[in-house]
Amino acid sequence: MAQYELVLPKMGESVAEATIIKWIKQPGDAIDIDESVLEIATDKVDSDVPSPVAGTLVKTFFTVDEVVQVGAVIALIEVPGADSEKNDNSSDTSALPKEIKSQPEIEQADEIPGVDILKQEEKPADDVQSNSSRFYSPLVKSMAAEEGISLSELDGIAGTGSEGRVTKQDILEFIKEHKQGGAVSTATTRPLASELIKPAAVQTKSAPATFSVSGGDEIIEMDRMRKLIAEHMVMSKQTSPHVTSFVEADVTNLVKWRERVKDSFEKREGEKITFTPIFIEAVAKAIKDLPMINVSVNGTQIIKKRDINIGMAAALPSGNLIVPVIKNADQLNLVGLTKSVNDLAKRARNSQLKPDDTAGGTFTLTNVGTFGNVMGTPIINQPQAAILAVGAIKKKPAVIETEYGDVIAIRHMMFLSLSYDHRVVDGALGGSFVRKVADYLEAWDVNREI
């Protein structure tokens, strides 16, 4: 019998590691081809890892809550056949401890340098490997070695992982606190990503707010996704000086057009046409007109994105938020956009998104009107430079200019609000962009055919 090494697959251009959240199969269990072996979580989405071969699970190398690098061997599967059928990832490394297995080079993410600065090849750390009964993941050991953290210091960290294990976040907090207190030497260590992008005014960690709990209060621990969202939102506000511009748009023609075509469109395409793909089409057109809104910041460099990949914020049944991305939105017609929007929204609700579905976004749209809100001030989805919120469409009296003079009429009105990074997007560009989107919506052709 041969043994097949199951590795953590590449899960998107910006995903370099994942956390194991559940082993679906246990050693001794039979596995069919394409059957899920374990569940993993990245900083973007949860997903399963299927087996490309049929056989029996022999051994697992990582436990629940451990962080694993892309390309690392995570399990051995015994399959029928000769030894020559073993996959090319082996090179007889299955007998080695997982701490010293070499890892493939991680593809650099097309985002702000420093974000993945701690996602390095795992290296043995002599001062962290010996004389300790406590288990540490390879990533934690590597980070400890990079920062000069001794074994005794590592043993003193209170772990928040399963069975008190030290997680990546635990050691990041330890490094941050000790750097502020001067306890850890910084002469030979590199700065954290958060320190590279945070302005000086927010480098000092503020004291936690005090609070009281009464007998009737309920304490709810954040789930993993909510913790990630919270960290991402705080980081975004610390990174980018946010400015928000507002425009009110008359979308009466657009509303009338959708009412006219929605039944025939659904009958023909088998899809409901909502306002979201229409908004995305207008955003894509406006980006082509004003491409400097489609940028990211790299230190003192502005990275102008070639592709127009528009993320759409979607609320999950759990109450959390996820942002699937429509790639090359400017190259899709309205039918294609509608199908993409409906497909991503459906898979988001059913927790079936793949990591690549949430990667590579260059601009984000959020529809706060879904909840009856007329406007919002959204937080930028880093490392992007802008995010557009569209409010609820409401019937309102409005002044209409005609050749016979001004009249008051009932119109369908909505607010658009654009939050943008004032480091690279000034008011002229931000205001012009949101006005451009409104112009495309207001100029909608009521006789348009699709």
Protein backbone atom coordinates (compact mmCIF):
# COMPACT_ATOMS: atom_id res chain seq x y z
CA MET A 1 0.00 0.00 0.00
CA ALA A 2 1.26 3.48 -0.87
CA GLN A 3 0.80 6.60 1.18
CA TYR A 4 -0.46 9.84 -0.31
CA GLU A 5 0.47 13.13 1.33
CA LEU A 6 -2.51 15.46 1.51
CA VAL A 7 -1.33 19.08 1.44
CA LEU A 8 -3.16 22.29 2.23
CA PRO A 9 -4.09 23.54 -1.26
CA LYS A 10 -3.63 27.07 -2.61
CA MET A 11 -6.85 28.90 -1.84
CA GLY A 12 -6.54 32.24 -3.62
CA GLU A 13 -3.88 34.74 -4.54
CA SER A 14 -3.85 36.46 -1.13
CA VAL A 15 -4.35 33.43 1.12
CA ALA A 16 -1.13 32.05 2.59
CA GLU A 17 -2.39 30.14 5.62
CA ALA A 18 -5.50 28.63 7.17
CA THR A 19 -6.73 27.51 10.57
CA ILE A 20 -8.03 23.98 11.01
CA ILE A 21 -11.48 24.16 12.59
CA LYS A 22 -12.62 20.52 12.33
CA TRP A 23 -11.38 17.13 11.17
CA ILE A 24 -14.30 15.52 9.35
CA LYS A 25 -12.36 12.27 8.98
CA GLN A 26 -10.35 10.57 11.71
CA PRO A 27 -7.40 8.13 11.39
CA GLY A 28 -8.78 4.78 10.27
CA ASP A 29 -11.73 6.26 8.37
CA ALA A 30 -12.26 5.37 4.70
CA ILE A 31 -12.19 8.27 2.24
CA ASP A 32 -13.65 8.48 -1.25
CA ILE A 33 -12.32 10.67 -4.05
CA ASP A 34 -13.40 14.31 -3.57
CA GLU A 35 -14.80 13.55 -0.11
CA SER A 36 -14.13 16.28 2.46
CA VAL A 37 -11.42 15.43 4.97
CA LEU A 38 -11.36 18.57 7.12
CA GLU A 39 -12.80 22.05 7.49
CA ILE A 40 -10.50 25.07 7.40
CA ALA A 41 -10.92 28.78 7.96
CA THR A 42 -8.97 31.59 6.33
CA ASP A 43 -9.21 35.31 7.05
CA LYS A 44 -11.77 35.49 4.25
CA VAL A 45 -13.98 32.40 4.22
CA ASP A 46 -14.50 28.88 5.62
CA SER A 47 -14.23 25.87 3.32
CA ASP A 48 -13.59 22.12 3.14
CA VAL A 49 -10.47 20.32 1.91
CA PRO A 50 -11.41 17.31 -0.24
CA SER A 51 -9.24 14.29 -0.91
CA PRO A 52 -8.04 13.80 -4.51
CA VAL A 53 -7.61 10.07 -3.87
CA ALA A 54 -9.59 7.21 -2.34
CA GLY A 55 -8.12 5.34 0.58
CA THR A 56 -7.84 5.29 4.36
CA LEU A 57 -6.76 8.19 6.55
CA VAL A 58 -3.62 7.04 8.35
CA LYS A 59 -2.32 10.09 10.20
CA THR A 60 -3.02 13.79 10.74
CA PHE A 61 -0.20 16.25 11.39
CA PHE A 62 -2.16 19.19 12.80
CA THR A 63 -4.88 19.60 15.39
CA VAL A 64 -7.93 21.83 15.63
CA ASP A 65 -7.11 25.56 15.95
CA GLU A 66 -3.61 25.17 14.53
CA VAL A 67 -2.53 27.55 11.78
CA VAL A 68 -1.17 25.78 8.68
CA GLN A 69 0.77 27.26 5.78
CA VAL A 70 -0.38 26.66 2.20
CA GLY A 71 1.53 23.69 0.78
CA ALA A 72 2.14 22.02 4.14
CA VAL A 73 1.45 18.29 4.48
CA ILE A 74 -1.59 17.95 6.72
CA ALA A 75 -2.40 14.23 6.55
CA LEU A 76 -1.36 10.84 5.18
CA ILE A 77 -3.82 8.73 3.20
CA GLU A 78 -3.11 5.07 2.50
CA VAL A 79 -4.09 4.17 -1.06
CA PRO A 80 -3.82 0.96 -3.07
CA GLY A 81 -0.91 0.83 -5.50
CA ALA A 82 2.85 0.87 -5.77
CA ASP A 83 5.11 3.34 -4.00
CA SER A 84 5.69 5.11 -7.30
CA GLU A 85 2.12 6.35 -7.13
CA LYS A 86 2.92 8.51 -4.11
CA ASN A 87 2.40 12.17 -4.88
CA ASP A 88 5.36 14.40 -5.69
CA ASN A 89 5.05 16.34 -2.44
CA SER A 90 6.68 13.59 -0.37
CA SER A 91 10.45 13.33 -0.97
CA ASP A 92 10.49 11.04 2.08
CA THR A 93 9.57 13.91 4.42
CA SER A 94 6.63 12.06 5.98
CA ALA A 95 8.99 10.54 8.52
CA LEU A 96 10.27 13.95 9.62
CA PRO A 97 8.67 15.98 12.39
CA LYS A 98 6.29 18.53 11.00
CA GLU A 99 8.30 21.30 12.71
CA ILE A 100 11.20 20.88 10.29
CA LYS A 101 9.43 20.10 7.03
CA SER A 102 10.38 22.63 4.41
CA GLN A 103 7.55 24.78 3.15
CA PRO A 104 7.10 25.99 -0.43
CA GLU A 105 7.61 29.65 -1.11
CA ILE A 106 4.40 31.59 -0.53
CA GLU A 107 3.19 33.61 -3.47
CA GLN A 108 3.29 37.32 -2.65
CA ALA A 109 -0.18 38.83 -2.27
CA ASP A 110 -1.08 41.82 -4.43
CA GLU A 111 -1.82 43.93 -1.39
CA ILE A 112 -0.07 46.30 1.02
CA PRO A 113 3.42 44.93 1.77
CA GLY A 114 3.71 43.94 5.39
CA VAL A 115 0.26 42.43 5.72
CA ASP A 116 1.75 38.96 5.25
CA ILE A 117 5.11 39.84 6.78
CA LEU A 118 4.64 37.21 9.50
CA LYS A 119 3.58 34.49 7.06
CA GLN A 120 7.11 33.22 6.43
CA GLU A 121 8.67 29.87 5.80
CA GLU A 122 8.70 27.91 9.03
CA LYS A 123 12.17 27.59 10.50
CA PRO A 124 13.26 25.56 13.53
CA ALA A 125 13.81 27.67 16.61
CA ASP A 126 16.26 25.99 18.97
CA ASP A 127 15.26 28.09 21.95
CA VAL A 128 11.60 27.25 21.50
CA GLN A 129 11.75 23.56 20.69
CA SER A 130 13.46 21.99 23.66
CA ASN A 131 12.57 21.10 27.24
CA SER A 132 8.91 22.12 27.08
CA SER A 133 5.91 19.87 27.47
CA ARG A 134 3.62 22.52 26.03
CA PHE A 135 2.72 22.17 22.34
CA TYR A 136 3.47 25.05 19.95
CA SER A 137 2.56 25.18 16.26
CA PRO A 138 5.35 25.67 13.70
CA LEU A 139 4.05 29.17 12.92
CA VAL A 140 4.18 30.22 16.59
CA LYS A 141 7.71 28.82 16.94
CA SER A 142 8.86 30.64 13.82
CA MET A 143 7.39 33.93 15.02
CA ALA A 144 8.99 33.47 18.45
CA ALA A 145 12.38 32.84 16.86
CA GLU A 146 12.06 35.91 14.62
CA GLU A 147 11.24 38.13 17.60
CA GLY A 148 13.82 36.65 19.97
CA ILE A 149 11.22 35.31 22.40
CA SER A 150 12.68 32.72 24.76
CA LEU A 151 11.05 29.44 25.71
CA SER A 152 10.33 30.68 29.23
CA GLU A 153 8.60 33.78 27.84
CA LEU A 154 6.60 31.63 25.42
CA ASP A 155 5.54 29.31 28.25
CA GLY A 156 4.28 32.34 30.14
CA ILE A 157 1.83 33.42 27.41
CA ALA A 158 -1.79 32.63 28.22
CA GLY A 159 -3.13 30.82 25.17
CA THR A 160 -6.64 31.36 23.87
CA GLY A 161 -6.66 28.38 21.51
CA SER A 162 -7.95 24.88 22.05
CA GLU A 163 -6.71 23.42 25.37
CA GLY A 164 -4.90 26.67 26.13
CA ARG A 165 -2.66 26.58 23.06
CA VAL A 166 -0.87 29.75 22.00
CA THR A 167 -2.32 31.06 18.75
CA LYS A 168 -0.91 33.47 16.20
CA GLN A 169 -3.04 36.27 17.65
CA ASP A 170 -1.76 35.52 21.18
CA ILE A 171 1.87 35.91 20.16
CA LEU A 172 1.08 39.02 18.10
CA GLU A 173 -0.47 40.62 21.19
CA PHE A 174 2.53 39.54 23.28
CA ILE A 175 4.97 41.07 20.77
CA LYS A 176 2.97 44.29 20.54
CA GLU A 177 2.73 44.76 24.31
CA HIS A 178 6.40 44.00 24.94
CA LYS A 179 7.60 46.24 22.15
CA GLN A 180 5.66 49.09 23.66
CA GLY A 181 7.15 48.30 27.06
CA GLY A 182 10.68 47.88 25.68
CA ALA A 183 11.00 44.33 26.99
CA VAL A 184 11.75 42.78 23.60
CA SER A 185 14.75 43.94 21.62
CA THR A 186 13.88 45.43 18.24
CA ALA A 187 17.40 45.72 16.90
CA THR A 188 17.19 42.60 14.79
CA THR A 189 13.46 42.27 14.25
CA ARG A 190 11.20 43.63 11.55
CA PRO A 191 8.19 45.81 12.38
CA LEU A 192 4.73 44.28 12.39
CA ALA A 193 2.44 44.99 9.46
CA SER A 194 0.08 46.96 11.70
CA GLU A 195 2.98 49.17 12.78
CA LEU A 196 4.01 49.84 9.21
CA ILE A 197 0.63 51.23 8.25
CA LYS A 198 -0.62 52.80 11.47
CA PRO A 199 -0.04 56.54 11.91
CA ALA A 200 2.13 57.65 14.82
CA ALA A 201 -0.85 59.03 16.70
CA VAL A 202 -2.32 55.56 17.20
CA GLN A 203 0.88 53.63 17.92
CA THR A 204 0.29 53.78 21.68
CA LYS A 205 -2.20 51.22 22.86
CA SER A 206 -4.98 52.93 24.74
CA ALA A 207 -6.25 51.57 28.04
CA PRO A 208 -9.29 49.31 27.64
CA ALA A 209 -12.60 50.92 28.46
CA THR A 210 -14.06 49.95 31.81
CA PHE A 211 -17.50 48.40 31.93
CA SER A 212 -19.83 46.86 34.43
CA VAL A 213 -22.00 43.76 34.11
CA SER A 214 -25.28 43.45 35.94
CA GLY A 215 -27.07 40.25 36.79
CA GLY A 216 -29.41 40.47 33.81
CA ASP A 217 -26.71 41.06 31.19
CA GLU A 218 -25.70 38.35 28.75
CA ILE A 219 -22.04 37.93 27.78
CA ILE A 220 -21.60 36.64 24.22
CA GLU A 221 -18.17 35.56 23.03
CA MET A 222 -17.39 36.72 19.48
CA ASP A 223 -17.13 33.89 16.96
CA ARG A 224 -14.04 33.60 14.77
CA MET A 225 -15.49 35.56 11.85
CA ARG A 226 -16.75 38.38 14.05
CA LYS A 227 -13.27 38.72 15.60
CA LEU A 228 -11.75 38.97 12.12
CA ILE A 229 -14.31 41.58 11.05
CA ALA A 230 -13.66 43.60 14.19
CA GLU A 231 -9.89 43.56 13.67
CA HIS A 232 -10.26 44.47 10.00
CA MET A 233 -12.57 47.39 10.72
CA VAL A 234 -10.32 48.83 13.43
CA MET A 235 -7.27 48.42 11.19
CA SER A 236 -9.02 50.20 8.32
CA LYS A 237 -9.95 53.22 10.45
CA GLN A 238 -6.41 53.41 11.82
CA THR A 239 -4.90 53.11 8.35
CA SER A 240 -7.02 55.44 6.21
CA PRO A 241 -8.35 58.92 6.98
CA HIS A 242 -11.97 58.41 5.96
CA VAL A 243 -13.97 61.07 4.14
CA THR A 244 -17.56 60.51 2.94
CA SER A 245 -19.32 62.38 0.12
CA PHE A 246 -23.08 62.16 -0.53
CA VAL A 247 -25.23 62.55 -3.63
CA GLU A 248 -29.01 62.21 -4.04
CA ALA A 249 -30.06 60.60 -7.30
CA ASP A 250 -33.38 60.52 -9.14
CA VAL A 251 -33.73 56.88 -10.25
CA THR A 252 -37.36 57.04 -11.41
CA ASN A 253 -36.56 55.84 -14.93
CA LEU A 254 -34.51 52.97 -13.52
CA VAL A 255 -37.33 51.84 -11.22
CA LYS A 256 -39.90 52.00 -14.04
CA TRP A 257 -37.60 50.05 -16.37
CA ARG A 258 -37.05 47.27 -13.83
CA GLU A 259 -40.78 46.98 -13.18
CA ARG A 260 -41.32 46.59 -16.92
CA VAL A 261 -38.68 43.91 -17.57
CA LYS A 262 -38.39 41.90 -14.35
CA ASP A 263 -41.08 39.30 -15.14
CA SER A 264 -39.96 38.66 -18.71
CA PHE A 265 -36.31 38.59 -17.60
CA GLU A 266 -36.99 35.97 -14.93
CA LYS A 267 -39.01 33.87 -17.35
CA ARG A 268 -36.27 34.01 -19.98
CA GLU A 269 -33.14 33.75 -17.81
CA GLY A 270 -34.46 31.91 -14.78
CA GLU A 271 -32.97 34.68 -12.63
CA LYS A 272 -34.47 37.57 -10.69
CA ILE A 273 -33.02 40.94 -11.65
CA THR A 274 -32.38 43.14 -8.63
CA PHE A 275 -30.96 46.64 -8.39
CA THR A 276 -27.53 45.40 -7.28
CA PRO A 277 -26.19 44.37 -10.73
CA ILE A 278 -27.46 47.69 -12.11
CA PHE A 279 -25.54 49.58 -9.42
CA ILE A 280 -22.44 47.49 -10.14
CA GLU A 281 -22.67 48.28 -13.86
CA ALA A 282 -22.83 52.01 -13.09
CA VAL A 283 -19.86 51.73 -10.70
CA ALA A 284 -17.78 49.87 -13.29
CA LYS A 285 -18.51 52.56 -15.89
CA ALA A 286 -17.58 55.32 -13.45
CA ILE A 287 -14.31 53.58 -12.58
CA LYS A 288 -13.38 53.46 -16.25
CA ASP A 289 -14.06 57.20 -16.43
CA LEU A 290 -12.16 57.97 -13.20
CA PRO A 291 -9.63 55.13 -12.77
CA MET A 292 -7.71 56.77 -9.90
CA ILE A 293 -10.49 55.68 -7.55
CA ASN A 294 -9.49 52.06 -8.31
CA VAL A 295 -6.18 52.17 -6.41
CA SER A 296 -4.32 50.87 -3.36
CA VAL A 297 -1.58 52.45 -1.26
CA ASN A 298 1.91 50.96 -0.90
CA GLY A 299 3.79 53.25 1.47
CA THR A 300 4.33 56.36 -0.64
CA GLN A 301 3.33 54.59 -3.85
CA ILE A 302 -0.12 54.52 -5.43
CA ILE A 303 -0.94 51.22 -7.14
CA LYS A 304 -3.40 51.83 -9.96
CA LYS A 305 -5.32 48.60 -10.53
CA ARG A 306 -5.75 47.32 -14.06
CA ASP A 307 -8.70 45.06 -13.31
CA ILE A 308 -12.06 46.27 -12.05
CA ASN A 309 -13.05 43.68 -9.45
CA ILE A 310 -16.08 44.84 -7.48
CA GLY A 311 -16.88 43.31 -4.12
CA MET A 312 -20.46 43.32 -2.86
CA ALA A 313 -20.96 43.24 0.88
CA ALA A 314 -23.38 40.47 1.84
CA ALA A 315 -24.96 39.81 5.23
CA LEU A 316 -24.85 36.19 6.37
CA PRO A 317 -27.60 34.38 8.30
CA SER A 318 -25.28 34.41 11.33
CA GLY A 319 -25.30 38.20 11.29
CA ASN A 320 -21.70 38.39 10.08
CA LEU A 321 -20.55 40.03 6.88
CA ILE A 322 -18.68 38.73 3.84
CA VAL A 323 -17.62 40.40 0.60
CA PRO A 324 -17.62 38.12 -2.49
CA VAL A 325 -15.99 39.67 -5.54
CA ILE A 326 -17.19 39.96 -9.14
CA LYS A 327 -14.01 39.75 -11.21
CA ASN A 328 -13.65 41.98 -14.27
CA ALA A 329 -17.09 43.49 -13.74
CA ASP A 330 -16.57 45.98 -16.56
CA GLN A 331 -16.38 43.11 -19.05
CA LEU A 332 -19.78 41.64 -18.15
CA ASN A 333 -23.11 42.73 -19.59
CA LEU A 334 -26.14 43.20 -17.37
CA VAL A 335 -27.24 39.58 -17.78
CA GLY A 336 -23.78 38.35 -16.78
CA LEU A 337 -23.66 40.69 -13.80
CA THR A 338 -27.11 39.52 -12.66
CA LYS A 339 -26.11 35.87 -12.82
CA SER A 340 -22.83 36.54 -10.99
CA VAL A 341 -24.53 38.58 -8.26
CA ASN A 342 -27.25 35.97 -7.69
CA ASP A 343 -24.77 33.08 -7.69
CA LEU A 344 -22.41 34.71 -5.18
CA ALA A 345 -25.28 35.84 -2.94
CA LYS A 346 -26.78 32.34 -2.90
CA ARG A 347 -23.48 30.64 -2.14
CA ALA A 348 -22.70 33.21 0.56
CA ARG A 349 -26.00 32.45 2.31
CA ASN A 350 -25.30 28.70 2.11
CA SER A 351 -21.65 29.02 3.25
CA GLN A 352 -20.44 27.62 -0.07
CA LEU A 353 -18.06 30.39 -1.10
CA LYS A 354 -14.49 29.43 -1.97
CA PRO A 355 -11.54 31.54 -0.75
CA ASP A 356 -10.90 32.82 -4.27
CA ASP A 357 -14.48 34.17 -4.41
CA THR A 358 -13.54 36.81 -1.84
CA ALA A 359 -10.04 37.64 -3.11
CA GLY A 360 -8.77 40.34 -5.43
CA GLY A 361 -11.39 43.05 -4.90
CA THR A 362 -10.44 46.59 -5.98
CA PHE A 363 -13.64 48.44 -5.02
CA THR A 364 -16.61 47.57 -2.80
CA LEU A 365 -20.35 48.25 -3.01
CA THR A 366 -22.63 47.87 -0.01
CA ASN A 367 -26.42 48.13 -0.27
CA VAL A 368 -27.63 49.58 3.04
CA GLY A 369 -31.02 50.14 1.42
CA THR A 370 -31.69 46.43 1.87
CA PHE A 371 -32.34 47.18 5.55
CA GLY A 372 -34.43 50.27 4.88
CA ASN A 373 -31.55 52.69 5.54
CA VAL A 374 -31.47 55.81 3.38
CA MET A 375 -27.70 56.33 3.65
CA GLY A 376 -24.58 55.16 5.44
CA THR A 377 -20.91 55.96 6.04
CA PRO A 378 -19.21 52.64 5.25
CA ILE A 379 -15.68 51.69 6.34
CA ILE A 380 -13.18 51.11 3.54
CA ASN A 381 -12.39 47.46 2.79
CA GLN A 382 -8.58 47.54 2.97
CA PRO A 383 -6.40 47.65 0.95
CA GLN A 384 -8.90 49.35 -1.35
CA ALA A 385 -9.27 53.14 -1.44
CA ALA A 386 -13.05 53.58 -1.60
CA ILE A 387 -16.41 51.97 -0.85
CA LEU A 388 -19.86 53.04 -2.08
CA ALA A 389 -23.05 52.66 -0.04
CA VAL A 390 -26.42 52.81 -1.82
CA GLY A 391 -29.49 53.66 0.24
CA ALA A 392 -33.14 52.72 0.02
CA ILE A 393 -35.15 54.04 -2.92
CA LYS A 394 -37.95 56.25 -1.58
CA LYS A 395 -40.80 58.13 -3.26
CA LYS A 396 -40.36 61.83 -2.54
CA PRO A 397 -41.61 65.16 -3.91
CA ALA A 398 -38.92 66.69 -6.11
CA VAL A 399 -38.54 69.76 -8.29
CA ILE A 400 -38.46 68.90 -12.01
CA GLU A 401 -37.25 71.38 -14.59
CA THR A 402 -39.36 71.42 -17.77
CA GLU A 403 -39.53 73.65 -20.82
CA TYR A 404 -42.63 75.22 -19.30
CA GLY A 405 -40.98 75.90 -15.94
CA ASP A 406 -40.31 74.06 -12.71
CA VAL A 407 -42.88 71.61 -11.35
CA ILE A 408 -43.09 69.41 -8.28
CA ALA A 409 -43.59 65.70 -8.92
CA ILE A 410 -43.38 62.41 -7.06
CA ARG A 411 -40.03 60.80 -7.93
CA HIS A 412 -38.05 57.74 -6.83
CA MET A 413 -35.00 59.12 -5.01
CA MET A 414 -31.98 57.51 -3.33
CA PHE A 415 -28.77 58.58 -1.62
CA LEU A 416 -25.32 57.39 -2.64
CA SER A 417 -22.49 57.78 -0.12
CA LEU A 418 -18.83 57.22 -0.99
CA SER A 419 -16.22 56.74 1.75
CA TYR A 420 -12.68 57.17 0.45
CA ASP A 421 -9.07 57.21 1.63
CA HIS A 422 -8.12 60.88 1.87
CA ARG A 423 -4.42 60.02 1.62
CA VAL A 424 -4.84 59.38 -2.09
CA VAL A 425 -8.39 60.42 -2.99
CA ASP A 426 -9.19 64.12 -2.60
CA GLY A 427 -12.66 65.63 -2.39
CA ALA A 428 -12.67 66.59 -6.06
CA LEU A 429 -12.10 63.00 -7.20
CA GLY A 430 -14.31 61.42 -4.54
CA GLY A 431 -17.16 63.86 -5.15
CA SER A 432 -16.84 63.57 -8.93
CA PHE A 433 -16.90 59.78 -8.77
CA VAL A 434 -20.08 59.47 -6.70
CA ARG A 435 -21.70 62.10 -8.90
CA LYS A 436 -20.66 60.13 -11.99
CA VAL A 437 -22.30 56.97 -10.63
CA ALA A 438 -25.49 58.94 -9.93
CA ASP A 439 -25.43 60.39 -13.47
CA TYR A 440 -25.33 56.89 -14.99
CA LEU A 441 -28.29 55.81 -12.86
CA GLU A 442 -30.31 58.95 -13.58
CA ALA A 443 -29.70 58.68 -17.33
CA TRP A 444 -31.11 55.13 -17.50
CA ASP A 445 -32.88 54.37 -20.77
CA VAL A 446 -36.44 53.23 -20.01
CA ASN A 447 -36.54 51.53 -23.41
CA ARG A 448 -33.36 49.52 -22.89
CA GLU A 449 -33.56 45.88 -23.94
CA ILE A 450 -31.53 43.07 -22.43
